[in-house]
Amino acid sequence: MSARGSAPLQRIEELAETSGATVRNIRVYQERGLLQPPIRQGRTALYGPDHRSRLDLILRLLNRGYTFATIEELLIAERHGFTLAELLEVESVRGERRPSGSRRRLTRAESQAVASFDMPEELIDVGESLGLITEPGAADHFFSDVYMADLLRDLIVLGVDEEGIEKIGRLFMEGQSRAAEAFTVLVETVRGAGMDQAVFEKRVRSILPRAGAAARLIFLSAAETLLTERHGFSRG
């Protein structure tokens, strides 16, 4: 870890005093992997500017109401190439969606305006099977939200043609649909507990955010491995 300029290293007590954190909490952040290990000089543990910057970030996120688990997810995803600003924006939008469960949907016409070509029928069929289209056969709401449209736009800018869009879309959606089958194991396990149906449904749905976060991190790790091992990319 590099020290920035001539900024002095600090003992944990000094870091706590200057940051407004407590020594105990700093140690907790380290134990949870949120804060980097200290610099060792003999038997003395010291902290530099990078530690202070990370600690300030952790404290800001905690003040915004983020849990340790969410902060850990953000920091891991940051290492996969996302900026924290992008991730916080996504988390903010996700938080706004939770109360109503509604999503900003794009019509098929809006999606095609982005693409400048008709959506491949096979891609529409897959989207319909996943419930991304509100009424079977209508194809009124193909994309579930603006993030999918943004991805489509980026792919087109990079030069992916209609056939490539269809392949990418099918792989993405079929893969996620297959992964969602894992909930069958959960449902079959919990259903046998004999709890009230409303409680049962609430318990199962409570796992969705965590499962979504895990799926995203698994995808990022798998994509990074594929790019480096199959296509010769440098490790990000």
C-alpha atoms as a PDB file:
ATOM      1  CA  MET A   1       0.000   0.000   0.000  1.00  0.00           C
ATOM      2  CA  SER A   2       1.522   3.344  -0.957  1.00  0.00           C
ATOM      3  CA  ALA A   3       1.528   6.388   1.257  1.00  0.00           C
ATOM      4  CA  ARG A   4       0.309   9.487  -0.534  1.00  0.00           C
ATOM      5  CA  GLY A   5       2.893  12.224  -0.430  1.00  0.00           C
ATOM      6  CA  SER A   6       4.453  12.734   2.971  1.00  0.00           C
ATOM      7  CA  ALA A   7       1.304  11.984   4.974  1.00  0.00           C
ATOM      8  CA  PRO A   8       2.370  10.325   8.238  1.00  0.00           C
ATOM      9  CA  LEU A   9       1.270   6.846   9.246  1.00  0.00           C
ATOM     10  CA  GLN A  10      -0.982   6.593  12.285  1.00  0.00           C
ATOM     11  CA  ARG A  11      -1.597   4.146  15.045  1.00  0.00           C
ATOM     12  CA  ILE A  12      -5.152   2.849  15.347  1.00  0.00           C
ATOM     13  CA  GLU A  13      -5.898   5.198  18.249  1.00  0.00           C
ATOM     14  CA  GLU A  14      -4.849   8.209  16.173  1.00  0.00           C
ATOM     15  CA  LEU A  15      -6.877   7.011  13.181  1.00  0.00           C
ATOM     16  CA  ALA A  16      -9.941   6.643  15.388  1.00  0.00           C
ATOM     17  CA  GLU A  17      -9.513  10.113  16.885  1.00  0.00           C
ATOM     18  CA  THR A  18      -9.047  11.891  13.545  1.00  0.00           C
ATOM     19  CA  SER A  19     -11.799  10.001  11.708  1.00  0.00           C
ATOM     20  CA  GLY A  20     -14.498  10.025  14.366  1.00  0.00           C
ATOM     21  CA  ALA A  21     -14.674   6.218  14.447  1.00  0.00           C
ATOM     22  CA  THR A  22     -13.896   4.086  17.472  1.00  0.00           C
ATOM     23  CA  VAL A  23     -10.960   1.730  17.820  1.00  0.00           C
ATOM     24  CA  ARG A  24     -13.392  -1.139  18.320  1.00  0.00           C
ATOM     25  CA  ASN A  25     -15.313  -0.339  15.131  1.00  0.00           C
ATOM     26  CA  ILE A  26     -12.137   0.011  13.084  1.00  0.00           C
ATOM     27  CA  ARG A  27     -11.155  -3.479  14.189  1.00  0.00           C
ATOM     28  CA  VAL A  28     -14.636  -4.744  13.285  1.00  0.00           C
ATOM     29  CA  TYR A  29     -14.313  -3.251   9.777  1.00  0.00           C
ATOM     30  CA  GLN A  30     -10.972  -5.034   9.402  1.00  0.00           C
ATOM     31  CA  GLU A  31     -12.362  -8.344  10.613  1.00  0.00           C
ATOM     32  CA  ARG A  32     -15.191  -8.120   8.082  1.00  0.00           C
ATOM     33  CA  GLY A  33     -12.747  -7.367   5.253  1.00  0.00           C
ATOM     34  CA  LEU A  34     -14.088  -3.869   4.637  1.00  0.00           C
ATOM     35  CA  LEU A  35     -10.893  -2.124   5.722  1.00  0.00           C
ATOM     36  CA  GLN A  36      -7.464  -3.149   4.493  1.00  0.00           C
ATOM     37  CA  PRO A  37      -5.023  -4.757   6.956  1.00  0.00           C
ATOM     38  CA  PRO A  38      -2.647  -2.269   8.627  1.00  0.00           C
ATOM     39  CA  ILE A  39       0.951  -1.716   7.575  1.00  0.00           C
ATOM     40  CA  ARG A  40       3.274  -3.631   9.855  1.00  0.00           C
ATOM     41  CA  GLN A  41       6.492  -2.055  11.096  1.00  0.00           C
ATOM     42  CA  GLY A  42       7.865  -4.650  13.431  1.00  0.00           C
ATOM     43  CA  ARG A  43       5.098  -5.346  15.914  1.00  0.00           C
ATOM     44  CA  THR A  44       3.441  -1.987  15.344  1.00  0.00           C
ATOM     45  CA  ALA A  45       0.278  -1.698  13.203  1.00  0.00           C
ATOM     46  CA  LEU A  46       0.078   1.553  11.278  1.00  0.00           C
ATOM     47  CA  TYR A  47      -2.499   3.146   9.003  1.00  0.00           C
ATOM     48  CA  GLY A  48      -1.916   5.407   6.010  1.00  0.00           C
ATOM     49  CA  PRO A  49      -3.943   7.713   3.751  1.00  0.00           C
ATOM     50  CA  ASP A  50      -5.472   4.792   1.844  1.00  0.00           C
ATOM     51  CA  HIS A  51      -6.826   3.358   5.082  1.00  0.00           C
ATOM     52  CA  ARG A  52      -8.269   6.756   6.018  1.00  0.00           C
ATOM     53  CA  SER A  53      -9.903   7.154   2.607  1.00  0.00           C
ATOM     54  CA  ARG A  54     -11.505   3.700   2.829  1.00  0.00           C
ATOM     55  CA  LEU A  55     -12.589   4.310   6.435  1.00  0.00           C
ATOM     56  CA  ASP A  56     -14.226   7.618   5.486  1.00  0.00           C
ATOM     57  CA  LEU A  57     -16.085   5.818   2.687  1.00  0.00           C
ATOM     58  CA  ILE A  58     -17.308   3.083   5.056  1.00  0.00           C
ATOM     59  CA  LEU A  59     -18.540   5.675   7.552  1.00  0.00           C
ATOM     60  CA  ARG A  60     -20.398   7.603   4.833  1.00  0.00           C
ATOM     61  CA  LEU A  61     -22.103   4.449   3.592  1.00  0.00           C
ATOM     62  CA  LEU A  62     -23.083   3.433   7.111  1.00  0.00           C
ATOM     63  CA  ASN A  63     -24.516   6.899   7.702  1.00  0.00           C
ATOM     64  CA  ARG A  64     -26.603   6.462   4.538  1.00  0.00           C
ATOM     65  CA  GLY A  65     -28.131   3.323   6.019  1.00  0.00           C
ATOM     66  CA  TYR A  66     -26.163   0.665   4.150  1.00  0.00           C
ATOM     67  CA  THR A  67     -25.507  -2.606   5.962  1.00  0.00           C
ATOM     68  CA  PHE A  68     -22.112  -4.283   6.270  1.00  0.00           C
ATOM     69  CA  ALA A  69     -23.243  -6.889   3.739  1.00  0.00           C
ATOM     70  CA  THR A  70     -24.232  -4.239   1.186  1.00  0.00           C
ATOM     71  CA  ILE A  71     -21.003  -2.284   1.703  1.00  0.00           C
ATOM     72  CA  GLU A  72     -19.023  -5.477   1.187  1.00  0.00           C
ATOM     73  CA  GLU A  73     -20.974  -6.135  -2.025  1.00  0.00           C
ATOM     74  CA  LEU A  74     -20.267  -2.615  -3.295  1.00  0.00           C
ATOM     75  CA  LEU A  75     -16.547  -2.888  -2.570  1.00  0.00           C
ATOM     76  CA  ILE A  76     -16.287  -6.300  -4.236  1.00  0.00           C
ATOM     77  CA  ALA A  77     -18.156  -5.081  -7.290  1.00  0.00           C
ATOM     78  CA  GLU A  78     -15.874  -2.033  -7.403  1.00  0.00           C
ATOM     79  CA  ARG A  79     -12.919  -4.389  -7.823  1.00  0.00           C
ATOM     80  CA  HIS A  80     -14.694  -5.827 -10.882  1.00  0.00           C
ATOM     81  CA  GLY A  81     -14.684  -2.477 -12.636  1.00  0.00           C
ATOM     82  CA  PHE A  82     -17.788  -0.662 -11.418  1.00  0.00           C
ATOM     83  CA  THR A  83     -17.310   2.768  -9.887  1.00  0.00           C
ATOM     84  CA  LEU A  84     -18.893   3.313  -6.515  1.00  0.00           C
ATOM     85  CA  ALA A  85     -20.818   6.245  -7.981  1.00  0.00           C
ATOM     86  CA  GLU A  86     -22.439   3.893 -10.519  1.00  0.00           C
ATOM     87  CA  LEU A  87     -23.186   1.280  -7.879  1.00  0.00           C
ATOM     88  CA  LEU A  88     -24.678   3.778  -5.448  1.00  0.00           C
ATOM     89  CA  GLU A  89     -26.890   5.142  -8.210  1.00  0.00           C
ATOM     90  CA  VAL A  90     -28.165   1.630  -8.950  1.00  0.00           C
ATOM     91  CA  GLU A  91     -28.730   0.949  -5.239  1.00  0.00           C
ATOM     92  CA  SER A  92     -30.611   4.245  -4.902  1.00  0.00           C
ATOM     93  CA  VAL A  93     -32.926   3.391  -7.790  1.00  0.00           C
ATOM     94  CA  ARG A  94     -33.392  -0.129  -6.427  1.00  0.00           C
ATOM     95  CA  GLY A  95     -34.358   1.319  -3.046  1.00  0.00           C
ATOM     96  CA  GLU A  96     -36.924   3.579  -4.660  1.00  0.00           C
ATOM     97  CA  ARG A  97     -38.476   0.571  -6.393  1.00  0.00           C
ATOM     98  CA  ARG A  98     -38.914  -1.581  -3.313  1.00  0.00           C
ATOM     99  CA  PRO A  99     -42.040   0.039  -1.805  1.00  0.00           C
ATOM    100  CA  SER A 100     -44.188  -0.239  -4.933  1.00  0.00           C
ATOM    101  CA  GLY A 101     -42.442  -3.077  -6.732  1.00  0.00           C
ATOM    102  CA  SER A 102     -42.906  -1.175  -9.987  1.00  0.00           C
ATOM    103  CA  ARG A 103     -40.196  -0.826 -12.602  1.00  0.00           C
ATOM    104  CA  ARG A 104     -39.559   1.706 -15.315  1.00  0.00           C
ATOM    105  CA  ARG A 105     -40.451  -0.280 -18.405  1.00  0.00           C
ATOM    106  CA  LEU A 106     -39.608   0.498 -21.993  1.00  0.00           C
ATOM    107  CA  THR A 107     -42.072  -0.275 -24.753  1.00  0.00           C
ATOM    108  CA  ARG A 108     -41.011  -2.374 -27.682  1.00  0.00           C
ATOM    109  CA  ALA A 109     -41.109   0.770 -29.838  1.00  0.00           C
ATOM    110  CA  GLU A 110     -38.739   2.559 -27.455  1.00  0.00           C
ATOM    111  CA  SER A 111     -36.402  -0.411 -27.439  1.00  0.00           C
ATOM    112  CA  GLN A 112     -36.352  -0.630 -31.221  1.00  0.00           C
ATOM    113  CA  ALA A 113     -35.702   3.108 -31.460  1.00  0.00           C
ATOM    114  CA  VAL A 114     -32.544   2.474 -29.473  1.00  0.00           C
ATOM    115  CA  ALA A 115     -31.602  -0.490 -31.630  1.00  0.00           C
ATOM    116  CA  SER A 116     -32.749   0.929 -35.006  1.00  0.00           C
ATOM    117  CA  PHE A 117     -33.900  -2.566 -35.994  1.00  0.00           C
ATOM    118  CA  ASP A 118     -36.746  -4.908 -35.075  1.00  0.00           C
ATOM    119  CA  MET A 119     -36.212  -6.999 -31.989  1.00  0.00           C
ATOM    120  CA  PRO A 120     -35.396 -10.596 -32.990  1.00  0.00           C
ATOM    121  CA  GLU A 121     -38.480 -12.760 -32.521  1.00  0.00           C
ATOM    122  CA  GLU A 122     -36.562 -15.435 -30.624  1.00  0.00           C
ATOM    123  CA  LEU A 123     -35.393 -12.807 -28.139  1.00  0.00           C
ATOM    124  CA  ILE A 124     -38.957 -11.615 -27.686  1.00  0.00           C
ATOM    125  CA  ASP A 125     -40.073 -15.220 -27.100  1.00  0.00           C
ATOM    126  CA  VAL A 126     -37.476 -15.689 -24.373  1.00  0.00           C
ATOM    127  CA  GLY A 127     -38.440 -12.374 -22.783  1.00  0.00           C
ATOM    128  CA  GLU A 128     -42.082 -13.392 -22.821  1.00  0.00           C
ATOM    129  CA  SER A 129     -41.308 -16.708 -21.129  1.00  0.00           C
ATOM    130  CA  LEU A 130     -39.562 -14.819 -18.301  1.00  0.00           C
ATOM    131  CA  GLY A 131     -42.448 -12.436 -17.787  1.00  0.00           C
ATOM    132  CA  LEU A 132     -40.678  -9.396 -19.210  1.00  0.00           C
ATOM    133  CA  ILE A 133     -43.674  -8.833 -21.483  1.00  0.00           C
ATOM    134  CA  THR A 134     -46.806  -7.816 -19.604  1.00  0.00           C
ATOM    135  CA  GLU A 135     -49.298  -9.603 -21.836  1.00  0.00           C
ATOM    136  CA  PRO A 136     -48.309 -12.789 -23.676  1.00  0.00           C
ATOM    137  CA  GLY A 137     -48.146 -12.112 -27.383  1.00  0.00           C
ATOM    138  CA  ALA A 138     -48.493  -8.347 -27.036  1.00  0.00           C
ATOM    139  CA  ALA A 139     -44.759  -7.579 -26.818  1.00  0.00           C
ATOM    140  CA  ASP A 140     -45.608  -4.192 -25.294  1.00  0.00           C
ATOM    141  CA  HIS A 141     -42.991  -4.282 -22.561  1.00  0.00           C
ATOM    142  CA  PHE A 142     -40.017  -6.264 -23.695  1.00  0.00           C
ATOM    143  CA  PHE A 143     -37.315  -4.652 -21.614  1.00  0.00           C
ATOM    144  CA  SER A 144     -37.849  -4.791 -17.868  1.00  0.00           C
ATOM    145  CA  ASP A 145     -36.158  -1.446 -17.215  1.00  0.00           C
ATOM    146  CA  VAL A 146     -33.822   1.216 -18.525  1.00  0.00           C
ATOM    147  CA  TYR A 147     -30.698  -0.686 -17.489  1.00  0.00           C
ATOM    148  CA  MET A 148     -31.389  -3.323 -20.105  1.00  0.00           C
ATOM    149  CA  ALA A 149     -31.884  -0.577 -22.688  1.00  0.00           C
ATOM    150  CA  ASP A 150     -28.584   1.009 -21.647  1.00  0.00           C
ATOM    151  CA  LEU A 151     -26.854  -2.346 -22.119  1.00  0.00           C
ATOM    152  CA  LEU A 152     -28.409  -2.710 -25.560  1.00  0.00           C
ATOM    153  CA  ARG A 153     -27.267   0.781 -26.498  1.00  0.00           C
ATOM    154  CA  ASP A 154     -23.690   0.062 -25.371  1.00  0.00           C
ATOM    155  CA  LEU A 155     -23.595  -3.191 -27.354  1.00  0.00           C
ATOM    156  CA  ILE A 156     -24.746  -1.409 -30.495  1.00  0.00           C
ATOM    157  CA  VAL A 157     -22.170   1.356 -30.039  1.00  0.00           C
ATOM    158  CA  LEU A 158     -19.502  -1.353 -29.828  1.00  0.00           C
ATOM    159  CA  GLY A 159     -20.700  -2.699 -33.184  1.00  0.00           C
ATOM    160  CA  VAL A 160     -22.794  -5.723 -32.185  1.00  0.00           C
ATOM    161  CA  ASP A 161     -25.316  -6.472 -34.953  1.00  0.00           C
ATOM    162  CA  GLU A 162     -28.851  -7.861 -34.750  1.00  0.00           C
ATOM    163  CA  GLU A 163     -27.676 -11.473 -34.745  1.00  0.00           C
ATOM    164  CA  GLY A 164     -25.195 -10.740 -31.959  1.00  0.00           C
ATOM    165  CA  ILE A 165     -27.844  -8.933 -29.921  1.00  0.00           C
ATOM    166  CA  GLU A 166     -30.078 -11.983 -30.196  1.00  0.00           C
ATOM    167  CA  LYS A 167     -27.310 -14.348 -29.065  1.00  0.00           C
ATOM    168  CA  ILE A 168     -26.280 -12.153 -26.143  1.00  0.00           C
ATOM    169  CA  GLY A 169     -29.862 -11.554 -25.056  1.00  0.00           C
ATOM    170  CA  ARG A 170     -30.756 -15.227 -25.259  1.00  0.00           C
ATOM    171  CA  LEU A 171     -27.664 -16.298 -23.283  1.00  0.00           C
ATOM    172  CA  PHE A 172     -28.325 -13.669 -20.619  1.00  0.00           C
ATOM    173  CA  MET A 173     -31.996 -14.432 -20.155  1.00  0.00           C
ATOM    174  CA  GLU A 174     -31.809 -18.203 -20.472  1.00  0.00           C
ATOM    175  CA  GLY A 175     -28.927 -18.232 -18.005  1.00  0.00           C
ATOM    176  CA  GLN A 176     -30.811 -16.155 -15.449  1.00  0.00           C
ATOM    177  CA  SER A 177     -33.964 -18.200 -15.953  1.00  0.00           C
ATOM    178  CA  ARG A 178     -31.991 -21.364 -15.284  1.00  0.00           C
ATOM    179  CA  ALA A 179     -30.377 -19.847 -12.188  1.00  0.00           C
ATOM    180  CA  ALA A 180     -33.802 -18.882 -10.846  1.00  0.00           C
ATOM    181  CA  GLU A 181     -34.668 -22.586 -10.702  1.00  0.00           C
ATOM    182  CA  ALA A 182     -32.577 -22.652  -7.525  1.00  0.00           C
ATOM    183  CA  PHE A 183     -35.603 -21.180  -5.767  1.00  0.00           C
ATOM    184  CA  THR A 184     -37.432 -24.443  -6.395  1.00  0.00           C
ATOM    185  CA  VAL A 185     -35.057 -26.064  -3.903  1.00  0.00           C
ATOM    186  CA  LEU A 186     -35.783 -23.316  -1.386  1.00  0.00           C
ATOM    187  CA  VAL A 187     -39.569 -23.498  -1.870  1.00  0.00           C
ATOM    188  CA  GLU A 188     -39.658 -27.276  -1.550  1.00  0.00           C
ATOM    189  CA  THR A 189     -37.542 -27.097   1.612  1.00  0.00           C
ATOM    190  CA  VAL A 190     -39.478 -24.323   3.364  1.00  0.00           C
ATOM    191  CA  ARG A 191     -42.930 -25.502   2.281  1.00  0.00           C
ATOM    192  CA  GLY A 192     -42.569 -28.588   4.443  1.00  0.00           C
ATOM    193  CA  ALA A 193     -42.297 -26.446   7.579  1.00  0.00           C
ATOM    194  CA  GLY A 194     -46.083 -26.039   7.655  1.00  0.00           C
ATOM    195  CA  MET A 195     -46.072 -22.269   8.111  1.00  0.00           C
ATOM    196  CA  ASP A 196     -48.851 -19.916   7.073  1.00  0.00           C
ATOM    197  CA  GLN A 197     -48.903 -19.232   3.308  1.00  0.00           C
ATOM    198  CA  ALA A 198     -48.438 -15.476   3.714  1.00  0.00           C
ATOM    199  CA  VAL A 199     -45.479 -15.988   6.037  1.00  0.00           C
ATOM    200  CA  PHE A 200     -44.098 -18.648   3.712  1.00  0.00           C
ATOM    201  CA  GLU A 201     -44.210 -16.313   0.715  1.00  0.00           C
ATOM    202  CA  LYS A 202     -42.657 -13.462   2.694  1.00  0.00           C
ATOM    203  CA  ARG A 203     -39.796 -15.685   3.878  1.00  0.00           C
ATOM    204  CA  VAL A 204     -39.005 -16.890   0.374  1.00  0.00           C
ATOM    205  CA  ARG A 205     -39.195 -13.425  -1.209  1.00  0.00           C
ATOM    206  CA  SER A 206     -36.956 -12.019   1.513  1.00  0.00           C
ATOM    207  CA  ILE A 207     -34.131 -14.036  -0.039  1.00  0.00           C
ATOM    208  CA  LEU A 208     -34.515 -12.379  -3.458  1.00  0.00           C
ATOM    209  CA  PRO A 209     -32.300  -9.299  -2.855  1.00  0.00           C
ATOM    210  CA  ARG A 210     -29.479 -11.416  -1.443  1.00  0.00           C
ATOM    211  CA  ALA A 211     -29.806 -13.948  -4.253  1.00  0.00           C
ATOM    212  CA  GLY A 212     -29.727 -11.151  -6.811  1.00  0.00           C
ATOM    213  CA  ALA A 213     -26.570  -9.697  -5.288  1.00  0.00           C
ATOM    214  CA  ALA A 214     -24.916 -13.122  -5.215  1.00  0.00           C
ATOM    215  CA  ALA A 215     -25.900 -13.784  -8.835  1.00  0.00           C
ATOM    216  CA  ARG A 216     -24.385 -10.480  -9.915  1.00  0.00           C
ATOM    217  CA  LEU A 217     -21.084 -11.148  -8.163  1.00  0.00           C
ATOM    218  CA  ILE A 218     -20.921 -14.699  -9.533  1.00  0.00           C
ATOM    219  CA  PHE A 219     -21.529 -13.352 -13.032  1.00  0.00           C
ATOM    220  CA  LEU A 220     -18.825 -10.693 -12.667  1.00  0.00           C
ATOM    221  CA  SER A 221     -16.288 -13.237 -11.429  1.00  0.00           C
ATOM    222  CA  ALA A 222     -17.186 -15.717 -14.175  1.00  0.00           C
ATOM    223  CA  ALA A 223     -16.966 -13.000 -16.844  1.00  0.00           C
ATOM    224  CA  GLU A 224     -13.577 -11.834 -15.559  1.00  0.00           C
ATOM    225  CA  THR A 225     -12.261 -15.407 -15.586  1.00  0.00           C
ATOM    226  CA  LEU A 226     -13.559 -16.013 -19.124  1.00  0.00           C
ATOM    227  CA  LEU A 227     -11.991 -12.798 -20.431  1.00  0.00           C
ATOM    228  CA  THR A 228      -8.596 -13.552 -18.926  1.00  0.00           C
ATOM    229  CA  GLU A 229      -8.373 -17.305 -19.523  1.00  0.00           C
ATOM    230  CA  ARG A 230     -10.135 -17.590 -22.887  1.00  0.00           C
ATOM    231  CA  HIS A 231      -9.515 -14.218 -24.497  1.00  0.00           C
ATOM    232  CA  GLY A 232      -6.178 -13.128 -23.024  1.00  0.00           C
ATOM    233  CA  PHE A 233      -7.402 -10.030 -21.169  1.00  0.00           C
ATOM    234  CA  SER A 234      -5.250  -8.695 -18.337  1.00  0.00           C
ATOM    235  CA  ARG A 235      -6.700  -9.328 -14.903  1.00  0.00           C
ATOM    236  CA  GLY A 236      -8.885  -6.375 -13.882  1.00  0.00           C
END
